[in-house]
Amino acid sequence: MHIESFRDYCLAKKAVTEGMPFGETVLVFKVAGKMFALASMNSDPFQVNLKCDPEKAEELRDEYDEIIPGYHMNKQHWNTLIIGTGNLSEKLVKELIDHSYDLIVASLSKKQQLEFEG
């Protein structure tokens, strides 16, 4: 997966916005104002940070060398995926983007969830 397809997949999700609050080299994707994905535009190989359930995060890190604790993030709740090596399947990356997005949507207040669904 390349940065363009990563970006397109994130932006295709409902109510997602993108921005660059950390400078011109990091794309940040948010839903309801909360981050669920960050993509480094100048890393080689291509790397992204995704929010993750803490238990699942540990399991993924144990299973894949290309998944490490989130760079510059809360290491309990975020993973960095080193995508550019080609060792992580596109299917897995998309599943982890979905998981990150779903965690944020589930964390919204009831009022925010009603607005989101409406």
PDB file of N, CA and C in Angstrom:
ATOM      1  N   MET A   1       0.855  -1.186   0.000  1.00  0.00           N
ATOM      2  CA  MET A   1       0.000   0.000   0.000  1.00  0.00           C
ATOM      3  C   MET A   1       0.892   1.237   0.000  1.00  0.00           C
ATOM      4  N   HIS A   2       0.541   2.183  -0.838  1.00  0.00           N
ATOM      5  CA  HIS A   2       1.271   3.444  -0.924  1.00  0.00           C
ATOM      6  C   HIS A   2       0.480   4.534  -0.220  1.00  0.00           C
ATOM      7  N   ILE A   3       1.121   5.657  -0.007  1.00  0.00           N
ATOM      8  CA  ILE A   3       0.482   6.751   0.723  1.00  0.00           C
ATOM      9  C   ILE A   3      -0.810   7.202   0.036  1.00  0.00           C
ATOM     10  N   GLU A   4      -0.844   7.177  -1.301  1.00  0.00           N
ATOM     11  CA  GLU A   4      -2.043   7.623  -2.007  1.00  0.00           C
ATOM     12  C   GLU A   4      -3.228   6.709  -1.716  1.00  0.00           C
ATOM     13  N   SER A   5      -3.007   5.406  -1.745  1.00  0.00           N
ATOM     14  CA  SER A   5      -4.108   4.481  -1.465  1.00  0.00           C
ATOM     15  C   SER A   5      -4.485   4.496   0.011  1.00  0.00           C
ATOM     16  N   PHE A   6      -3.503   4.698   0.887  1.00  0.00           N
ATOM     17  CA  PHE A   6      -3.792   4.846   2.317  1.00  0.00           C
ATOM     18  C   PHE A   6      -4.694   6.067   2.537  1.00  0.00           C
ATOM     19  N   ARG A   7      -4.308   7.176   1.934  1.00  0.00           N
ATOM     20  CA  ARG A   7      -5.081   8.423   2.061  1.00  0.00           C
ATOM     21  C   ARG A   7      -6.495   8.253   1.510  1.00  0.00           C
ATOM     22  N   ASP A   8      -6.606   7.672   0.318  1.00  0.00           N
ATOM     23  CA  ASP A   8      -7.918   7.469  -0.296  1.00  0.00           C
ATOM     24  C   ASP A   8      -8.809   6.589   0.582  1.00  0.00           C
ATOM     25  N   TYR A   9      -8.233   5.541   1.157  1.00  0.00           N
ATOM     26  CA  TYR A   9      -9.017   4.630   1.996  1.00  0.00           C
ATOM     27  C   TYR A   9      -9.518   5.361   3.249  1.00  0.00           C
ATOM     28  N   CYS A  10      -8.652   6.138   3.874  1.00  0.00           N
ATOM     29  CA  CYS A  10      -9.061   6.887   5.072  1.00  0.00           C
ATOM     30  C   CYS A  10     -10.143   7.911   4.740  1.00  0.00           C
ATOM     31  N   LEU A  11      -9.951   8.645   3.655  1.00  0.00           N
ATOM     32  CA  LEU A  11     -10.901   9.706   3.294  1.00  0.00           C
ATOM     33  C   LEU A  11     -12.249   9.163   2.825  1.00  0.00           C
ATOM     34  N   ALA A  12     -12.300   7.911   2.412  1.00  0.00           N
ATOM     35  CA  ALA A  12     -13.564   7.317   1.976  1.00  0.00           C
ATOM     36  C   ALA A  12     -14.481   6.990   3.154  1.00  0.00           C
ATOM     37  N   LYS A  13     -13.955   7.025   4.347  1.00  0.00           N
ATOM     38  CA  LYS A  13     -14.762   6.728   5.522  1.00  0.00           C
ATOM     39  C   LYS A  13     -15.632   7.931   5.881  1.00  0.00           C
ATOM     40  N   LYS A  14     -16.742   7.666   6.502  1.00  0.00           N
ATOM     41  CA  LYS A  14     -17.725   8.696   6.829  1.00  0.00           C
ATOM     42  C   LYS A  14     -17.145   9.756   7.763  1.00  0.00           C
ATOM     43  N   ALA A  15     -17.335  11.019   7.380  1.00  0.00           N
ATOM     44  CA  ALA A  15     -17.020  12.196   8.194  1.00  0.00           C
ATOM     45  C   ALA A  15     -15.532  12.367   8.507  1.00  0.00           C
ATOM     46  N   VAL A  16     -14.669  11.823   7.671  1.00  0.00           N
ATOM     47  CA  VAL A  16     -13.226  11.953   7.911  1.00  0.00           C
ATOM     48  C   VAL A  16     -12.717  13.259   7.321  1.00  0.00           C
ATOM     49  N   THR A  17     -11.849  13.905   8.084  1.00  0.00           N
ATOM     50  CA  THR A  17     -11.158  15.097   7.607  1.00  0.00           C
ATOM     51  C   THR A  17      -9.660  14.832   7.674  1.00  0.00           C
ATOM     52  N   GLU A  18      -8.926  15.570   6.868  1.00  0.00           N
ATOM     53  CA  GLU A  18      -7.469  15.457   6.921  1.00  0.00           C
ATOM     54  C   GLU A  18      -6.884  16.838   7.145  1.00  0.00           C
ATOM     55  N   GLY A  19      -5.726  16.845   7.756  1.00  0.00           N
ATOM     56  CA  GLY A  19      -5.040  18.098   8.006  1.00  0.00           C
ATOM     57  C   GLY A  19      -3.565  17.835   8.244  1.00  0.00           C
ATOM     58  N   MET A  20      -2.849  18.929   8.509  1.00  0.00           N
ATOM     59  CA  MET A  20      -1.416  18.831   8.760  1.00  0.00           C
ATOM     60  C   MET A  20      -1.055  19.680   9.983  1.00  0.00           C
ATOM     61  N   PRO A  21      -1.622  19.358  11.146  1.00  0.00           N
ATOM     62  CA  PRO A  21      -1.371  20.183  12.329  1.00  0.00           C
ATOM     63  C   PRO A  21       0.047  20.070  12.881  1.00  0.00           C
ATOM     64  N   PHE A  22       0.806  19.065  12.464  1.00  0.00           N
ATOM     65  CA  PHE A  22       2.158  18.847  12.972  1.00  0.00           C
ATOM     66  C   PHE A  22       3.228  19.221  11.951  1.00  0.00           C
ATOM     67  N   GLY A  23       2.852  19.975  10.941  1.00  0.00           N
ATOM     68  CA  GLY A  23       3.806  20.373   9.919  1.00  0.00           C
ATOM     69  C   GLY A  23       3.488  19.729   8.588  1.00  0.00           C
ATOM     70  N   GLU A  24       4.287  20.061   7.606  1.00  0.00           N
ATOM     71  CA  GLU A  24       4.014  19.665   6.228  1.00  0.00           C
ATOM     72  C   GLU A  24       4.398  18.231   5.891  1.00  0.00           C
ATOM     73  N   THR A  25       4.879  17.458   6.850  1.00  0.00           N
ATOM     74  CA  THR A  25       5.325  16.101   6.532  1.00  0.00           C
ATOM     75  C   THR A  25       4.454  15.019   7.156  1.00  0.00           C
ATOM     76  N   VAL A  26       3.413  15.414   7.899  1.00  0.00           N
ATOM     77  CA  VAL A  26       2.560  14.414   8.552  1.00  0.00           C
ATOM     78  C   VAL A  26       1.097  14.701   8.240  1.00  0.00           C
ATOM     79  N   LEU A  27       0.460  13.763   7.537  1.00  0.00           N
ATOM     80  CA  LEU A  27      -0.977  13.847   7.273  1.00  0.00           C
ATOM     81  C   LEU A  27      -1.714  13.256   8.461  1.00  0.00           C
ATOM     82  N   VAL A  28      -2.707  13.976   8.961  1.00  0.00           N
ATOM     83  CA  VAL A  28      -3.496  13.513  10.100  1.00  0.00           C
ATOM     84  C   VAL A  28      -4.945  13.344   9.655  1.00  0.00           C
ATOM     85  N   PHE A  29      -5.513  12.197   9.973  1.00  0.00           N
ATOM     86  CA  PHE A  29      -6.896  11.894   9.624  1.00  0.00           C
ATOM     87  C   PHE A  29      -7.711  11.841  10.911  1.00  0.00           C
ATOM     88  N   LYS A  30      -8.839  12.550  10.902  1.00  0.00           N
ATOM     89  CA  LYS A  30      -9.690  12.645  12.089  1.00  0.00           C
ATOM     90  C   LYS A  30     -11.129  12.304  11.739  1.00  0.00           C
ATOM     91  N   VAL A  31     -11.836  11.811  12.746  1.00  0.00           N
ATOM     92  CA  VAL A  31     -13.283  11.658  12.672  1.00  0.00           C
ATOM     93  C   VAL A  31     -13.836  12.320  13.920  1.00  0.00           C
ATOM     94  N   ALA A  32     -14.811  13.198  13.739  1.00  0.00           N
ATOM     95  CA  ALA A  32     -15.400  13.970  14.834  1.00  0.00           C
ATOM     96  C   ALA A  32     -14.320  14.711  15.619  1.00  0.00           C
ATOM     97  N   GLY A  33     -13.298  15.189  14.925  1.00  0.00           N
ATOM     98  CA  GLY A  33     -12.248  15.973  15.554  1.00  0.00           C
ATOM     99  C   GLY A  33     -11.208  15.171  16.306  1.00  0.00           C
ATOM    100  N   LYS A  34     -11.289  13.842  16.259  1.00  0.00           N
ATOM    101  CA  LYS A  34     -10.339  12.994  16.980  1.00  0.00           C
ATOM    102  C   LYS A  34      -9.490  12.198  15.998  1.00  0.00           C
ATOM    103  N   MET A  35      -8.188  12.158  16.253  1.00  0.00           N
ATOM    104  CA  MET A  35      -7.269  11.463  15.362  1.00  0.00           C
ATOM    105  C   MET A  35      -7.472   9.956  15.402  1.00  0.00           C
ATOM    106  N   PHE A  36      -7.431   9.349  14.216  1.00  0.00           N
ATOM    107  CA  PHE A  36      -7.419   7.889  14.155  1.00  0.00           C
ATOM    108  C   PHE A  36      -6.263   7.373  13.295  1.00  0.00           C
ATOM    109  N   ALA A  37      -5.635   8.247  12.514  1.00  0.00           N
ATOM    110  CA  ALA A  37      -4.513   7.818  11.674  1.00  0.00           C
ATOM    111  C   ALA A  37      -3.596   9.001  11.371  1.00  0.00           C
ATOM    112  N   LEU A  38      -2.307   8.697  11.336  1.00  0.00           N
ATOM    113  CA  LEU A  38      -1.296   9.665  10.937  1.00  0.00           C
ATOM    114  C   LEU A  38      -0.393   8.983   9.924  1.00  0.00           C
ATOM    115  N   ALA A  39       0.000   9.709   8.900  1.00  0.00           N
ATOM    116  CA  ALA A  39       0.882   9.153   7.876  1.00  0.00           C
ATOM    117  C   ALA A  39       2.069  10.086   7.668  1.00  0.00           C
ATOM    118  N   SER A  40       3.256   9.517   7.770  1.00  0.00           N
ATOM    119  CA  SER A  40       4.469  10.282   7.521  1.00  0.00           C
ATOM    120  C   SER A  40       4.716  10.328   6.020  1.00  0.00           C
ATOM    121  N   MET A  41       4.824  11.534   5.495  1.00  0.00           N
ATOM    122  CA  MET A  41       4.997  11.667   4.043  1.00  0.00           C
ATOM    123  C   MET A  41       6.455  11.612   3.607  1.00  0.00           C
ATOM    124  N   ASN A  42       7.379  11.637   4.553  1.00  0.00           N
ATOM    125  CA  ASN A  42       8.780  11.610   4.143  1.00  0.00           C
ATOM    126  C   ASN A  42       9.545  10.435   4.732  1.00  0.00           C
ATOM    127  N   SER A  43       8.837   9.454   5.283  1.00  0.00           N
ATOM    128  CA  SER A  43       9.537   8.286   5.824  1.00  0.00           C
ATOM    129  C   SER A  43       9.805   7.278   4.701  1.00  0.00           C
ATOM    130  N   ASP A  44      10.928   6.638   4.795  1.00  0.00           N
ATOM    131  CA  ASP A  44      11.275   5.603   3.834  1.00  0.00           C
ATOM    132  C   ASP A  44      11.849   4.436   4.625  1.00  0.00           C
ATOM    133  N   PRO A  45      11.092   3.373   4.778  1.00  0.00           N
ATOM    134  CA  PRO A  45       9.837   3.028   4.113  1.00  0.00           C
ATOM    135  C   PRO A  45       8.638   3.782   4.707  1.00  0.00           C
ATOM    136  N   PHE A  46       7.526   3.767   3.964  1.00  0.00           N
ATOM    137  CA  PHE A  46       6.283   4.425   4.344  1.00  0.00           C
ATOM    138  C   PHE A  46       5.793   3.893   5.692  1.00  0.00           C
ATOM    139  N   GLN A  47       5.444   4.824   6.613  1.00  0.00           N
ATOM    140  CA  GLN A  47       4.981   4.449   7.947  1.00  0.00           C
ATOM    141  C   GLN A  47       3.734   5.225   8.317  1.00  0.00           C
ATOM    142  N   VAL A  48       2.865   4.562   9.085  1.00  0.00           N
ATOM    143  CA  VAL A  48       1.652   5.215   9.583  1.00  0.00           C
ATOM    144  C   VAL A  48       1.471   4.851  11.053  1.00  0.00           C
ATOM    145  N   ASN A  49       0.761   5.709  11.773  1.00  0.00           N
ATOM    146  CA  ASN A  49       0.354   5.422  13.146  1.00  0.00           C
ATOM    147  C   ASN A  49      -1.147   5.225  13.157  1.00  0.00           C
ATOM    148  N   LEU A  50      -1.591   4.170  13.833  1.00  0.00           N
ATOM    149  CA  LEU A  50      -3.015   3.875  13.961  1.00  0.00           C
ATOM    150  C   LEU A  50      -3.345   3.566  15.406  1.00  0.00           C
ATOM    151  N   LYS A  51      -4.493   4.051  15.838  1.00  0.00           N
ATOM    152  CA  LYS A  51      -4.977   3.749  17.182  1.00  0.00           C
ATOM    153  C   LYS A  51      -5.341   2.263  17.219  1.00  0.00           C
ATOM    154  N   CYS A  52      -5.171   1.648  18.409  1.00  0.00           N
ATOM    155  CA  CYS A  52      -5.429   0.218  18.505  1.00  0.00           C
ATOM    156  C   CYS A  52      -5.802  -0.138  19.941  1.00  0.00           C
ATOM    157  N   ASP A  53      -6.699  -1.097  20.085  1.00  0.00           N
ATOM    158  CA  ASP A  53      -7.008  -1.642  21.397  1.00  0.00           C
ATOM    159  C   ASP A  53      -5.702  -2.145  22.014  1.00  0.00           C
ATOM    160  N   PRO A  54      -5.422  -1.829  23.294  1.00  0.00           N
ATOM    161  CA  PRO A  54      -4.136  -2.191  23.894  1.00  0.00           C
ATOM    162  C   PRO A  54      -3.781  -3.680  23.803  1.00  0.00           C
ATOM    163  N   GLU A  55      -4.729  -4.562  24.044  1.00  0.00           N
ATOM    164  CA  GLU A  55      -4.428  -5.994  23.970  1.00  0.00           C
ATOM    165  C   GLU A  55      -4.107  -6.420  22.538  1.00  0.00           C
ATOM    166  N   LYS A  56      -4.897  -5.919  21.614  1.00  0.00           N
ATOM    167  CA  LYS A  56      -4.659  -6.241  20.198  1.00  0.00           C
ATOM    168  C   LYS A  56      -3.325  -5.658  19.744  1.00  0.00           C
ATOM    169  N   ALA A  57      -2.994  -4.465  20.246  1.00  0.00           N
ATOM    170  CA  ALA A  57      -1.724  -3.829  19.883  1.00  0.00           C
ATOM    171  C   ALA A  57      -0.551  -4.730  20.248  1.00  0.00           C
ATOM    172  N   GLU A  58      -0.587  -5.288  21.452  1.00  0.00           N
ATOM    173  CA  GLU A  58       0.491  -6.187  21.895  1.00  0.00           C
ATOM    174  C   GLU A  58       0.566  -7.434  21.026  1.00  0.00           C
ATOM    175  N   GLU A  59      -0.600  -8.005  20.724  1.00  0.00           N
ATOM    176  CA  GLU A  59      -0.629  -9.207  19.885  1.00  0.00           C
ATOM    177  C   GLU A  59      -0.028  -8.935  18.503  1.00  0.00           C
ATOM    178  N   LEU A  60      -0.389  -7.796  17.918  1.00  0.00           N
ATOM    179  CA  LEU A  60       0.121  -7.447  16.590  1.00  0.00           C
ATOM    180  C   LEU A  60       1.631  -7.241  16.624  1.00  0.00           C
ATOM    181  N   ARG A  61       2.129  -6.599  17.672  1.00  0.00           N
ATOM    182  CA  ARG A  61       3.573  -6.359  17.789  1.00  0.00           C
ATOM    183  C   ARG A  61       4.340  -7.667  17.935  1.00  0.00           C
ATOM    184  N   ASP A  62       3.723  -8.614  18.630  1.00  0.00           N
ATOM    185  CA  ASP A  62       4.361  -9.925  18.791  1.00  0.00           C
ATOM    186  C   ASP A  62       4.381 -10.703  17.483  1.00  0.00           C
ATOM    187  N   GLU A  63       3.335 -10.519  16.678  1.00  0.00           N
ATOM    188  CA  GLU A  63       3.196 -11.297  15.449  1.00  0.00           C
ATOM    189  C   GLU A  63       3.952 -10.712  14.253  1.00  0.00           C
ATOM    190  N   TYR A  64       4.049  -9.382  14.184  1.00  0.00           N
ATOM    191  CA  TYR A  64       4.645  -8.728  13.014  1.00  0.00           C
ATOM    192  C   TYR A  64       5.810  -7.830  13.426  1.00  0.00           C
ATOM    193  N   ASP A  65       6.960  -8.042  12.812  1.00  0.00           N
ATOM    194  CA  ASP A  65       8.114  -7.181  13.069  1.00  0.00           C
ATOM    195  C   ASP A  65       7.863  -5.753  12.590  1.00  0.00           C
ATOM    196  N   GLU A  66       6.951  -5.594  11.621  1.00  0.00           N
ATOM    197  CA  GLU A  66       6.680  -4.284  11.020  1.00  0.00           C
ATOM    198  C   GLU A  66       5.652  -3.475  11.810  1.00  0.00           C
ATOM    199  N   ILE A  67       5.192  -3.994  12.933  1.00  0.00           N
ATOM    200  CA  ILE A  67       4.262  -3.261  13.792  1.00  0.00           C
ATOM    201  C   ILE A  67       4.954  -3.054  15.127  1.00  0.00           C
ATOM    202  N   ILE A  68       5.168  -1.777  15.456  1.00  0.00           N
ATOM    203  CA  ILE A  68       5.905  -1.405  16.659  1.00  0.00           C
ATOM    204  C   ILE A  68       5.095  -0.395  17.467  1.00  0.00           C
ATOM    205  N   PRO A  69       5.481  -0.151  18.726  1.00  0.00           N
ATOM    206  CA  PRO A  69       4.767   0.865  19.511  1.00  0.00           C
ATOM    207  C   PRO A  69       4.744   2.207  18.779  1.00  0.00           C
ATOM    208  N   GLY A  70       3.650   2.925  18.918  1.00  0.00           N
ATOM    209  CA  GLY A  70       3.430   4.169  18.183  1.00  0.00           C
ATOM    210  C   GLY A  70       4.522   5.202  18.393  1.00  0.00           C
ATOM    211  N   TYR A  71       5.135   5.617  17.298  1.00  0.00           N
ATOM    212  CA  TYR A  71       6.185   6.631  17.319  1.00  0.00           C
ATOM    213  C   TYR A  71       5.590   7.983  17.727  1.00  0.00           C
ATOM    214  N   HIS A  72       6.134   8.587  18.776  1.00  0.00           N
ATOM    215  CA  HIS A  72       5.667   9.880  19.306  1.00  0.00           C
ATOM    216  C   HIS A  72       4.204   9.847  19.751  1.00  0.00           C
ATOM    217  N   MET A  73       3.715   8.667  20.145  1.00  0.00           N
ATOM    218  CA  MET A  73       2.317   8.525  20.552  1.00  0.00           C
ATOM    219  C   MET A  73       2.266   7.740  21.863  1.00  0.00           C
ATOM    220  N   ASN A  74       1.066   7.650  22.446  1.00  0.00           N
ATOM    221  CA  ASN A  74       0.865   6.800  23.612  1.00  0.00           C
ATOM    222  C   ASN A  74       1.075   5.361  23.144  1.00  0.00           C
ATOM    223  N   LYS A  75       2.116   4.750  23.631  1.00  0.00           N
ATOM    224  CA  LYS A  75       2.522   3.430  23.126  1.00  0.00           C
ATOM    225  C   LYS A  75       1.557   2.320  23.505  1.00  0.00           C
ATOM    226  N   GLN A  76       0.694   2.567  24.477  1.00  0.00           N
ATOM    227  CA  GLN A  76      -0.307   1.575  24.854  1.00  0.00           C
ATOM    228  C   GLN A  76      -1.443   1.531  23.833  1.00  0.00           C
ATOM    229  N   HIS A  77      -1.784   2.681  23.263  1.00  0.00           N
ATOM    230  CA  HIS A  77      -2.969   2.794  22.407  1.00  0.00           C
ATOM    231  C   HIS A  77      -2.672   3.022  20.924  1.00  0.00           C
ATOM    232  N   TRP A  78      -1.410   3.144  20.556  1.00  0.00           N
ATOM    233  CA  TRP A  78      -1.071   3.436  19.169  1.00  0.00           C
ATOM    234  C   TRP A  78       0.036   2.507  18.680  1.00  0.00           C
ATOM    235  N   ASN A  79      -0.071   2.097  17.443  1.00  0.00           N
ATOM    236  CA  ASN A  79       0.960   1.322  16.773  1.00  0.00           C
ATOM    237  C   ASN A  79       1.480   2.097  15.580  1.00  0.00           C
ATOM    238  N   THR A  80       2.749   1.903  15.284  1.00  0.00           N
ATOM    239  CA  THR A  80       3.327   2.356  14.025  1.00  0.00           C
ATOM    240  C   THR A  80       3.441   1.148  13.121  1.00  0.00           C
ATOM    241  N   LEU A  81       2.907   1.273  11.918  1.00  0.00           N
ATOM    242  CA  LEU A  81       3.003   0.220  10.912  1.00  0.00           C
ATOM    243  C   LEU A  81       4.035   0.642   9.881  1.00  0.00           C
ATOM    244  N   ILE A  82       5.022  -0.192   9.667  1.00  0.00           N
ATOM    245  CA  ILE A  82       6.032   0.062   8.644  1.00  0.00           C
ATOM    246  C   ILE A  82       5.532  -0.645   7.383  1.00  0.00           C
ATOM    247  N   ILE A  83       4.847   0.126   6.556  1.00  0.00           N
ATOM    248  CA  ILE A  83       4.125  -0.437   5.416  1.00  0.00           C
ATOM    249  C   ILE A  83       5.025  -0.606   4.194  1.00  0.00           C
ATOM    250  N   GLY A  84       5.961   0.278   4.035  1.00  0.00           N
ATOM    251  CA  GLY A  84       6.755   0.323   2.813  1.00  0.00           C
ATOM    252  C   GLY A  84       7.636  -0.876   2.538  1.00  0.00           C
ATOM    253  N   THR A  85       7.764  -1.806   3.471  1.00  0.00           N
ATOM    254  CA  THR A  85       8.605  -2.987   3.235  1.00  0.00           C
ATOM    255  C   THR A  85       7.878  -4.034   2.417  1.00  0.00           C
ATOM    256  N   GLY A  86       6.545  -3.940   2.352  1.00  0.00           N
ATOM    257  CA  GLY A  86       5.761  -4.913   1.603  1.00  0.00           C
ATOM    258  C   GLY A  86       5.438  -6.174   2.390  1.00  0.00           C
ATOM    259  N   ASN A  87       5.822  -6.230   3.658  1.00  0.00           N
ATOM    260  CA  ASN A  87       5.571  -7.423   4.461  1.00  0.00           C
ATOM    261  C   ASN A  87       4.196  -7.447   5.117  1.00  0.00           C
ATOM    262  N   LEU A  88       3.513  -6.311   5.161  1.00  0.00           N
ATOM    263  CA  LEU A  88       2.151  -6.257   5.694  1.00  0.00           C
ATOM    264  C   LEU A  88       1.184  -6.233   4.514  1.00  0.00           C
ATOM    265  N   SER A  89       0.212  -7.110   4.535  1.00  0.00           N
ATOM    266  CA  SER A  89      -0.741  -7.154   3.422  1.00  0.00           C
ATOM    267  C   SER A  89      -1.634  -5.928   3.436  1.00  0.00           C
ATOM    268  N   GLU A  90      -2.106  -5.567   2.258  1.00  0.00           N
ATOM    269  CA  GLU A  90      -3.038  -4.440   2.151  1.00  0.00           C
ATOM    270  C   GLU A  90      -4.315  -4.742   2.929  1.00  0.00           C
ATOM    271  N   LYS A  91      -4.736  -5.993   2.905  1.00  0.00           N
ATOM    272  CA  LYS A  91      -5.935  -6.394   3.643  1.00  0.00           C
ATOM    273  C   LYS A  91      -5.758  -6.129   5.139  1.00  0.00           C
ATOM    274  N   LEU A  92      -4.614  -6.495   5.699  1.00  0.00           N
ATOM    275  CA  LEU A  92      -4.357  -6.265   7.124  1.00  0.00           C
ATOM    276  C   LEU A  92      -4.318  -4.773   7.430  1.00  0.00           C
ATOM    277  N   VAL A  93      -3.649  -4.007   6.594  1.00  0.00           N
ATOM    278  CA  VAL A  93      -3.565  -2.558   6.818  1.00  0.00           C
ATOM    279  C   VAL A  93      -4.966  -1.949   6.817  1.00  0.00           C
ATOM    280  N   LYS A  94      -5.803  -2.347   5.874  1.00  0.00           N
ATOM    281  CA  LYS A  94      -7.175  -1.822   5.830  1.00  0.00           C
ATOM    282  C   LYS A  94      -7.968  -2.239   7.065  1.00  0.00           C
ATOM    283  N   GLU A  95      -7.791  -3.478   7.521  1.00  0.00           N
ATOM    284  CA  GLU A  95      -8.463  -3.926   8.743  1.00  0.00           C
ATOM    285  C   GLU A  95      -8.043  -3.088   9.936  1.00  0.00           C
ATOM    286  N   LEU A  96      -6.762  -2.731  10.000  1.00  0.00           N
ATOM    287  CA  LEU A  96      -6.271  -1.932  11.125  1.00  0.00           C
ATOM    288  C   LEU A  96      -6.715  -0.473  11.027  1.00  0.00           C
ATOM    289  N   ILE A  97      -6.853   0.043   9.820  1.00  0.00           N
ATOM    290  CA  ILE A  97      -7.437   1.384   9.650  1.00  0.00           C
ATOM    291  C   ILE A  97      -8.884   1.354  10.134  1.00  0.00           C
ATOM    292  N   ASP A  98      -9.633   0.342   9.721  1.00  0.00           N
ATOM    293  CA  ASP A  98     -11.032   0.201  10.153  1.00  0.00           C
ATOM    294  C   ASP A  98     -11.123   0.112  11.670  1.00  0.00           C
ATOM    295  N   HIS A  99     -10.244  -0.679  12.271  1.00  0.00           N
ATOM    296  CA  HIS A  99     -10.241  -0.851  13.725  1.00  0.00           C
ATOM    297  C   HIS A  99      -9.991   0.486  14.426  1.00  0.00           C
ATOM    298  N   SER A 100      -9.024   1.238  13.944  1.00  0.00           N
ATOM    299  CA  SER A 100      -8.699   2.537  14.521  1.00  0.00           C
ATOM    300  C   SER A 100      -9.894   3.497  14.417  1.00  0.00           C
ATOM    301  N   TYR A 101     -10.463   3.560  13.239  1.00  0.00           N
ATOM    302  CA  TYR A 101     -11.636   4.417  12.987  1.00  0.00           C
ATOM    303  C   TYR A 101     -12.781   4.012  13.910  1.00  0.00           C
ATOM    304  N   ASP A 102     -13.054   2.714  13.994  1.00  0.00           N
ATOM    305  CA  ASP A 102     -14.166   2.220  14.817  1.00  0.00           C
ATOM    306  C   ASP A 102     -13.953   2.519  16.301  1.00  0.00           C
ATOM    307  N   LEU A 103     -12.705   2.468  16.772  1.00  0.00           N
ATOM    308  CA  LEU A 103     -12.425   2.812  18.173  1.00  0.00           C
ATOM    309  C   LEU A 103     -12.808   4.259  18.468  1.00  0.00           C
ATOM    310  N   ILE A 104     -12.496   5.143  17.541  1.00  0.00           N
ATOM    311  CA  ILE A 104     -12.823   6.561  17.747  1.00  0.00           C
ATOM    312  C   ILE A 104     -14.333   6.766  17.717  1.00  0.00           C
ATOM    313  N   VAL A 105     -15.003   6.185  16.751  1.00  0.00           N
ATOM    314  CA  VAL A 105     -16.464   6.337  16.657  1.00  0.00           C
ATOM    315  C   VAL A 105     -17.129   5.790  17.928  1.00  0.00           C
ATOM    316  N   ALA A 106     -16.648   4.660  18.424  1.00  0.00           N
ATOM    317  CA  ALA A 106     -17.222   4.061  19.636  1.00  0.00           C
ATOM    318  C   ALA A 106     -16.965   4.917  20.873  1.00  0.00           C
ATOM    319  N   SER A 107     -15.919   5.740  20.840  1.00  0.00           N
ATOM    320  CA  SER A 107     -15.593   6.575  21.997  1.00  0.00           C
ATOM    321  C   SER A 107     -16.394   7.877  22.043  1.00  0.00           C
ATOM    322  N   LEU A 108     -17.152   8.164  20.996  1.00  0.00           N
ATOM    323  CA  LEU A 108     -17.938   9.395  20.954  1.00  0.00           C
ATOM    324  C   LEU A 108     -19.079   9.328  21.967  1.00  0.00           C
ATOM    325  N   SER A 109     -19.464  10.490  22.458  1.00  0.00           N
ATOM    326  CA  SER A 109     -20.606  10.546  23.379  1.00  0.00           C
ATOM    327  C   SER A 109     -21.869  10.116  22.627  1.00  0.00           C
ATOM    328  N   LYS A 110     -22.914   9.792  23.374  1.00  0.00           N
ATOM    329  CA  LYS A 110     -24.176   9.388  22.737  1.00  0.00           C
ATOM    330  C   LYS A 110     -24.677  10.479  21.795  1.00  0.00           C
ATOM    331  N   LYS A 111     -24.570  11.713  22.243  1.00  0.00           N
ATOM    332  CA  LYS A 111     -25.018  12.838  21.415  1.00  0.00           C
ATOM    333  C   LYS A 111     -24.197  12.911  20.119  1.00  0.00           C
ATOM    334  N   GLN A 112     -22.870  12.789  20.240  1.00  0.00           N
ATOM    335  CA  GLN A 112     -22.023  12.828  19.058  1.00  0.00           C
ATOM    336  C   GLN A 112     -22.310  11.659  18.119  1.00  0.00           C
ATOM    337  N   GLN A 113     -22.567  10.479  18.704  1.00  0.00           N
ATOM    338  CA  GLN A 113     -22.877   9.321  17.878  1.00  0.00           C
ATOM    339  C   GLN A 113     -24.177   9.510  17.115  1.00  0.00           C
ATOM    340  N   LEU A 114     -25.178  10.117  17.754  1.00  0.00           N
ATOM    341  CA  LEU A 114     -26.450  10.382  17.079  1.00  0.00           C
ATOM    342  C   LEU A 114     -26.236  11.359  15.925  1.00  0.00           C
ATOM    343  N   GLU A 115     -25.435  12.402  16.169  1.00  0.00           N
ATOM    344  CA  GLU A 115     -25.127  13.382  15.121  1.00  0.00           C
ATOM    345  C   GLU A 115     -24.352  12.697  13.985  1.00  0.00           C
ATOM    346  N   PHE A 116     -23.410  11.842  14.361  1.00  0.00           N
ATOM    347  CA  PHE A 116     -22.586  11.130  13.387  1.00  0.00           C
ATOM    348  C   PHE A 116     -23.430  10.226  12.511  1.00  0.00           C
ATOM    349  N   GLU A 117     -24.358   9.498  13.131  1.00  0.00           N
ATOM    350  CA  GLU A 117     -25.198   8.583  12.385  1.00  0.00           C
ATOM    351  C   GLU A 117     -26.266   9.299  11.560  1.00  0.00           C
ATOM    352  N   GLY A 118     -26.628  10.504  12.000  1.00  0.00           N
ATOM    353  CA  GLY A 118     -27.673  11.259  11.310  1.00  0.00           C
ATOM    354  C   GLY A 118     -27.143  12.043  10.198  1.00  0.00           C
TER     355      GLY A 118
END
